[in-house]
Amino acid sequence: MTQASHPITFGVITTQNAPWDTLVNRWKFIESAGFDSLWVADHFTVPYPAYADMPFFEAWTTLAAMAAQTSRIRIGTLVTAITWRNPAWLARQALTIDHLSNGRLELGLGTGSSTDIGVTMTGLDPWPRKERFERFREYLEIVDTLLRQPTTTYHGQYYQIEKAQMHPRPLQQPRPPITIGAYGPRMLKLTARYADMWNCIGGVTDDAIAELTRRNQQIDAHCNTIGRDPHAIRRSYVLCDPTELRDLGPISIYDSVEAFQNSVDICLNAGITTIILAYPFVDDQIPMFEKIATKAIPEIRKQHKQKAK
């Protein structure tokens, strides 16, 4: 299992389903508390039928505002589904946000899901799984190339790019870092080739951590096969059980500082160095989140630095 040489970092994903002023205040607190990254979800609406009528703001326009309302913290989508946008337009949006944020963009990409209710709501074609993967492979190649070079032509099965011009060049060179949300073997293989960071979501049960470790090892193996240093890919984990995410209810890591610290330790031992927290879905857990942000995380950083010496 790769023990990456990257420093421990902490991020927060804030679902954009609150009043605008509330979101801005959250972003400013998260940055002031010292978090390293700030993320938004990319859906047409909250992707669970029970909550489809909740307020929800579009991800990339939200990112533009986030860039203007913050100054230090890195920002990104976790993750942008290829369902919603043409790859060349997505690359142009990424280039724009890279400049608006003064080089703070983290570009998250994933296949998306055919069961996302936004697909039906917007009349999009629910691609079969094999087609979705093949589209993602082409999409990823196009976005990577467009952001790396001034002119791109690409003729794929699903996407066609003809002498697409990309000016100005990104502030981050050779391009903004790409995070890939991946679970299956073929996606992990693409992660090994293209990603600067890998991401998945889960809790800290024995089964979840065993699966996390297995995927980490698969990425290492794919990197070794293509001659890429496995340490070049940061490993990130959204520390939230999928059932908690679907229910938009209490998150178990916010039961206590001890519960949070134990969960982080488990993730670090599994080779994760970027821990991403979901902003609390229920107001009762916000005080504990803020205590963790201002007290527990600085202590974890301090302890990790001491161990590294």
Protein backbone atom coordinates (compact mmCIF):
# COMPACT_ATOMS: atom_id res chain seq x y z
CA MET A 1 0.00 0.00 0.00
CA THR A 2 1.33 3.37 -0.99
CA GLN A 3 2.18 5.72 1.83
CA ALA A 4 2.24 8.88 -0.27
CA SER A 5 4.84 11.51 0.41
CA HIS A 6 2.24 14.27 0.40
CA PRO A 7 1.42 16.28 3.52
CA ILE A 8 -1.89 15.67 5.25
CA THR A 9 -4.55 18.05 3.99
CA PHE A 10 -8.17 18.60 4.95
CA GLY A 11 -11.02 19.74 2.74
CA VAL A 12 -14.77 20.34 3.01
CA ILE A 13 -17.52 19.65 0.50
CA THR A 14 -20.43 22.05 0.96
CA THR A 15 -23.59 21.05 -0.85
CA GLN A 16 -24.97 24.24 -2.36
CA ASN A 17 -28.52 23.77 -1.06
CA ALA A 18 -28.69 26.66 1.42
CA PRO A 19 -29.50 30.38 1.00
CA TRP A 20 -26.72 32.24 -0.77
CA ASP A 21 -25.66 34.36 2.21
CA THR A 22 -25.43 31.19 4.31
CA LEU A 23 -23.17 29.54 1.74
CA VAL A 24 -20.86 32.54 1.56
CA ASN A 25 -20.55 32.62 5.35
CA ARG A 26 -19.73 28.90 5.37
CA TRP A 27 -17.01 29.31 2.74
CA LYS A 28 -15.43 32.18 4.64
CA PHE A 29 -15.44 30.25 7.91
CA ILE A 30 -13.96 27.17 6.24
CA GLU A 31 -11.14 29.21 4.74
CA SER A 32 -10.48 31.10 7.97
CA ALA A 33 -10.39 27.83 9.93
CA GLY A 34 -7.40 26.71 7.87
CA PHE A 35 -8.89 24.04 5.62
CA ASP A 36 -6.89 23.36 2.47
CA SER A 37 -9.68 22.79 -0.06
CA LEU A 38 -13.34 23.63 -0.59
CA TRP A 39 -15.58 21.63 -2.90
CA VAL A 40 -19.08 21.72 -4.39
CA ALA A 41 -21.28 18.93 -5.76
CA ASP A 42 -22.20 18.93 -9.45
CA HIS A 43 -25.80 17.86 -10.01
CA PHE A 44 -28.89 19.41 -11.56
CA THR A 45 -30.57 19.22 -8.16
CA VAL A 46 -30.05 17.24 -4.95
CA PRO A 47 -29.77 13.78 -6.54
CA TYR A 48 -32.04 11.94 -4.11
CA PRO A 49 -35.79 11.87 -4.91
CA ALA A 50 -36.84 12.66 -1.34
CA TYR A 51 -34.94 15.98 -1.50
CA ALA A 52 -35.38 16.94 -5.15
CA ASP A 53 -37.45 20.01 -4.26
CA MET A 54 -34.70 21.53 -2.08
CA PRO A 55 -32.99 24.74 -3.25
CA PHE A 56 -29.84 23.96 -5.25
CA PHE A 57 -27.33 26.16 -7.11
CA GLU A 58 -25.39 25.11 -10.21
CA ALA A 59 -21.82 24.03 -9.51
CA TRP A 60 -19.60 25.97 -11.92
CA THR A 61 -21.31 29.34 -11.49
CA THR A 62 -21.10 28.69 -7.75
CA LEU A 63 -17.36 28.04 -8.15
CA ALA A 64 -16.94 31.43 -9.83
CA ALA A 65 -18.53 33.11 -6.83
CA MET A 66 -16.50 30.96 -4.46
CA ALA A 67 -13.33 32.13 -6.21
CA ALA A 68 -14.36 35.74 -5.61
CA GLN A 69 -15.36 35.19 -1.97
CA THR A 70 -12.14 33.41 -0.93
CA SER A 71 -8.45 34.17 -1.40
CA ARG A 72 -6.31 31.22 -0.26
CA ILE A 73 -8.22 27.96 -0.18
CA ARG A 74 -8.21 25.65 -3.21
CA ILE A 75 -11.63 25.14 -4.83
CA GLY A 76 -13.17 22.48 -7.02
CA THR A 77 -15.98 20.15 -7.98
CA LEU A 78 -16.29 16.75 -6.33
CA VAL A 79 -16.91 15.70 -8.96
CA THR A 80 -18.16 17.07 -12.29
CA ALA A 81 -20.15 14.42 -14.13
CA ILE A 82 -19.49 14.22 -17.86
CA THR A 83 -23.26 13.95 -18.37
CA TRP A 84 -23.87 17.66 -18.09
CA ARG A 85 -21.36 19.34 -20.40
CA ASN A 86 -19.46 19.09 -23.66
CA PRO A 87 -15.76 18.39 -22.82
CA ALA A 88 -14.43 21.43 -24.69
CA TRP A 89 -16.85 23.73 -22.88
CA LEU A 90 -15.91 22.13 -19.57
CA ALA A 91 -12.23 22.74 -20.30
CA ARG A 92 -13.05 26.38 -21.08
CA GLN A 93 -14.94 26.71 -17.79
CA ALA A 94 -11.99 25.19 -15.94
CA LEU A 95 -9.58 27.60 -17.64
CA THR A 96 -11.79 30.52 -16.65
CA ILE A 97 -12.09 29.47 -12.99
CA ASP A 98 -8.35 28.83 -12.87
CA HIS A 99 -7.83 32.51 -13.72
CA LEU A 100 -10.67 33.82 -11.54
CA SER A 101 -9.22 31.98 -8.54
CA ASN A 102 -5.62 32.98 -9.28
CA GLY A 103 -4.61 29.38 -9.83
CA ARG A 104 -6.57 27.64 -7.08
CA LEU A 105 -8.76 25.28 -9.15
CA GLU A 106 -8.93 21.53 -8.51
CA LEU A 107 -10.77 19.92 -11.44
CA GLY A 108 -12.83 16.95 -10.27
CA LEU A 109 -14.18 14.57 -12.93
CA GLY A 110 -16.33 11.44 -12.85
CA THR A 111 -18.68 9.42 -15.03
CA GLY A 112 -21.85 10.45 -13.21
CA SER A 113 -24.72 8.03 -12.74
CA SER A 114 -27.63 7.08 -14.98
CA THR A 115 -29.80 6.93 -11.83
CA ASP A 116 -29.20 10.60 -10.97
CA ILE A 117 -32.70 12.12 -11.09
CA GLY A 118 -31.26 15.12 -12.92
CA VAL A 119 -30.78 12.91 -15.99
CA THR A 120 -34.53 12.29 -16.26
CA MET A 121 -35.43 15.85 -15.28
CA THR A 122 -33.33 17.32 -18.08
CA GLY A 123 -34.24 14.76 -20.74
CA LEU A 124 -30.72 13.41 -21.15
CA ASP A 125 -29.93 9.96 -22.48
CA PRO A 126 -29.11 7.50 -19.64
CA TRP A 127 -26.04 5.94 -21.23
CA PRO A 128 -25.37 2.22 -20.63
CA ARG A 129 -22.46 1.54 -18.31
CA LYS A 130 -19.99 0.51 -21.04
CA GLU A 131 -20.80 3.60 -23.11
CA ARG A 132 -20.52 5.81 -20.04
CA PHE A 133 -16.99 4.53 -19.38
CA GLU A 134 -15.92 4.91 -23.02
CA ARG A 135 -17.30 8.45 -23.08
CA PHE A 136 -15.42 9.24 -19.89
CA ARG A 137 -12.17 7.96 -21.36
CA GLU A 138 -12.56 10.23 -24.40
CA TYR A 139 -13.76 13.14 -22.26
CA LEU A 140 -10.76 12.86 -19.97
CA GLU A 141 -8.32 12.73 -22.89
CA ILE A 142 -9.90 15.83 -24.43
CA VAL A 143 -9.96 17.91 -21.24
CA ASP A 144 -6.40 16.92 -20.36
CA THR A 145 -5.13 17.81 -23.85
CA LEU A 146 -7.09 21.05 -24.21
CA LEU A 147 -5.72 22.36 -20.93
CA ARG A 148 -2.14 21.36 -21.80
CA GLN A 149 -1.81 22.77 -25.31
CA PRO A 150 -3.01 25.79 -27.31
CA THR A 151 -4.67 23.88 -30.18
CA THR A 152 -6.39 20.49 -30.10
CA THR A 153 -7.99 18.23 -32.67
CA TYR A 154 -9.57 15.00 -31.45
CA HIS A 155 -11.65 12.47 -33.37
CA GLY A 156 -13.27 9.93 -31.05
CA GLN A 157 -16.30 7.71 -31.24
CA TYR A 158 -18.40 10.06 -29.12
CA TYR A 159 -16.65 13.45 -29.18
CA GLN A 160 -15.12 15.49 -31.99
CA ILE A 161 -12.81 18.47 -31.45
CA GLU A 162 -11.53 20.38 -34.47
CA LYS A 163 -8.62 22.81 -34.03
CA ALA A 164 -10.02 24.02 -30.72
CA GLN A 165 -8.08 27.09 -29.51
CA MET A 166 -7.42 27.54 -25.79
CA HIS A 167 -6.18 31.00 -24.84
CA PRO A 168 -5.01 32.29 -22.45
CA ARG A 169 -3.05 29.38 -21.04
CA PRO A 170 -3.93 28.15 -17.54
CA LEU A 171 -2.16 29.80 -14.64
CA GLN A 172 -1.40 26.35 -13.25
CA GLN A 173 1.06 24.52 -15.46
CA PRO A 174 0.95 22.19 -17.24
CA ARG A 175 -2.75 22.35 -16.33
CA PRO A 176 -4.98 22.55 -13.24
CA PRO A 177 -4.72 19.29 -11.27
CA ILE A 178 -7.35 16.66 -12.06
CA THR A 179 -9.14 14.65 -9.39
CA ILE A 180 -10.89 11.50 -10.60
CA GLY A 181 -13.71 9.91 -8.63
CA ALA A 182 -13.29 6.20 -9.31
CA TYR A 183 -14.34 2.82 -7.90
CA GLY A 184 -14.23 0.12 -10.58
CA PRO A 185 -11.14 -1.50 -12.14
CA ARG A 186 -11.33 0.32 -15.50
CA MET A 187 -11.79 3.70 -13.83
CA LEU A 188 -8.89 3.05 -11.48
CA LYS A 189 -6.75 2.28 -14.51
CA LEU A 190 -7.62 5.69 -16.02
CA THR A 191 -6.90 7.24 -12.62
CA ALA A 192 -3.38 5.83 -12.70
CA ARG A 193 -2.75 7.39 -16.11
CA TYR A 194 -4.36 10.83 -15.78
CA ALA A 195 -5.16 11.79 -12.18
CA ASP A 196 -3.27 14.08 -9.87
CA MET A 197 -5.60 12.94 -7.09
CA TRP A 198 -7.94 9.98 -6.65
CA ASN A 199 -11.16 10.29 -4.66
CA CYS A 200 -13.84 8.02 -3.28
CA ILE A 201 -16.46 8.23 -0.53
CA GLY A 202 -17.06 5.99 2.46
CA GLY A 203 -17.04 5.33 6.16
CA VAL A 204 -14.52 3.57 8.39
CA THR A 205 -16.10 0.14 8.85
CA ASP A 206 -13.78 -2.83 8.37
CA ASP A 207 -15.38 -3.61 5.01
CA ALA A 208 -15.14 -0.01 3.79
CA ILE A 209 -11.47 0.29 4.72
CA ALA A 210 -10.66 -3.10 3.20
CA GLU A 211 -12.22 -1.94 -0.07
CA LEU A 212 -10.41 1.38 0.15
CA THR A 213 -7.10 -0.41 0.63
CA ARG A 214 -7.78 -2.77 -2.28
CA ARG A 215 -8.49 0.16 -4.63
CA ASN A 216 -5.38 1.97 -3.44
CA GLN A 217 -3.33 -1.10 -4.26
CA GLN A 218 -4.92 -1.37 -7.70
CA ILE A 219 -3.90 2.20 -8.50
CA ASP A 220 -0.35 1.41 -7.37
CA ALA A 221 -0.26 -1.66 -9.61
CA HIS A 222 -1.57 0.25 -12.64
CA CYS A 223 0.99 3.00 -12.06
CA ASN A 224 3.79 0.45 -11.93
CA THR A 225 2.57 -1.11 -15.17
CA ILE A 226 2.73 2.18 -17.09
CA GLY A 227 5.92 3.37 -15.41
CA ARG A 228 4.36 6.14 -13.32
CA ASP A 229 5.40 6.77 -9.71
CA PRO A 230 2.38 5.83 -7.53
CA HIS A 231 3.36 8.62 -5.16
CA ALA A 232 2.52 11.13 -7.88
CA ILE A 233 -1.19 10.57 -7.18
CA ARG A 234 -2.65 12.02 -4.00
CA ARG A 235 -5.28 9.79 -2.36
CA SER A 236 -8.40 11.48 -0.97
CA TYR A 237 -11.45 10.21 0.87
CA VAL A 238 -14.78 11.87 1.64
CA LEU A 239 -15.22 10.74 5.23
CA CYS A 240 -18.98 10.15 5.17
CA ASP A 241 -20.87 6.87 5.02
CA PRO A 242 -22.97 6.71 1.80
CA THR A 243 -26.15 6.10 3.81
CA GLU A 244 -25.52 9.29 5.78
CA LEU A 245 -25.03 11.11 2.51
CA ARG A 246 -28.32 9.83 1.04
CA ASP A 247 -30.29 10.62 4.20
CA LEU A 248 -28.84 14.13 4.65
CA GLY A 249 -28.98 13.39 8.36
CA PRO A 250 -26.43 13.26 11.21
CA ILE A 251 -22.85 12.31 10.26
CA SER A 252 -21.25 9.84 12.66
CA ILE A 253 -17.77 11.41 12.68
CA TYR A 254 -19.35 14.48 14.31
CA ASP A 255 -20.58 12.49 17.31
CA SER A 256 -17.45 13.56 19.21
CA VAL A 257 -13.90 14.78 18.73
CA GLU A 258 -12.71 11.28 19.59
CA ALA A 259 -14.90 9.72 16.89
CA PHE A 260 -13.45 12.15 14.35
CA GLN A 261 -9.84 11.58 15.42
CA ASN A 262 -10.24 7.79 15.32
CA SER A 263 -11.76 7.96 11.83
CA VAL A 264 -8.93 10.13 10.54
CA ASP A 265 -6.32 7.77 12.01
CA ILE A 266 -7.93 4.84 10.22
CA CYS A 267 -7.89 6.71 6.90
CA LEU A 268 -4.26 7.78 7.29
CA ASN A 269 -3.24 4.20 8.05
CA ALA A 270 -5.03 3.15 4.84
CA GLY A 271 -2.83 5.45 2.74
CA ILE A 272 -5.14 8.48 2.52
CA THR A 273 -3.52 11.90 2.90
CA THR A 274 -6.38 14.21 1.89
CA ILE A 275 -9.39 13.93 4.20
CA ILE A 276 -12.53 15.64 2.92
CA LEU A 277 -15.40 16.33 5.29
CA ALA A 278 -19.02 16.85 4.38
CA TYR A 279 -20.35 20.04 5.90
CA PRO A 280 -23.01 19.01 8.47
CA PHE A 281 -26.46 18.37 7.02
CA VAL A 282 -28.16 19.12 10.35
CA ASP A 283 -27.61 22.33 12.29
CA ASP A 284 -27.12 20.51 15.60
CA GLN A 285 -23.77 19.18 14.38
CA ILE A 286 -22.34 22.53 13.26
CA PRO A 287 -20.82 23.36 16.70
CA MET A 288 -18.95 20.03 16.71
CA PHE A 289 -17.79 20.60 13.13
CA GLU A 290 -16.45 24.02 14.13
CA LYS A 291 -14.72 22.56 17.20
CA ILE A 292 -13.10 19.88 15.03
CA ALA A 293 -12.02 22.53 12.51
CA THR A 294 -10.42 24.86 15.05
CA LYS A 295 -9.14 22.41 17.68
CA ALA A 296 -8.87 18.80 16.50
CA ILE A 297 -7.47 19.29 13.00
CA PRO A 298 -4.63 21.63 14.02
CA GLU A 299 -3.62 19.07 16.65
CA ILE A 300 -3.67 16.23 14.09
CA ARG A 301 -1.49 18.28 11.75
CA LYS A 302 0.95 19.00 14.56
CA GLN A 303 1.18 15.33 15.61
CA HIS A 304 1.71 14.20 12.03
CA LYS A 305 4.54 16.70 11.48
CA GLN A 306 6.24 15.50 14.65
CA LYS A 307 6.02 11.87 13.51
CA ALA A 308 7.43 12.79 10.11
CA LYS A 309 10.59 14.29 11.62
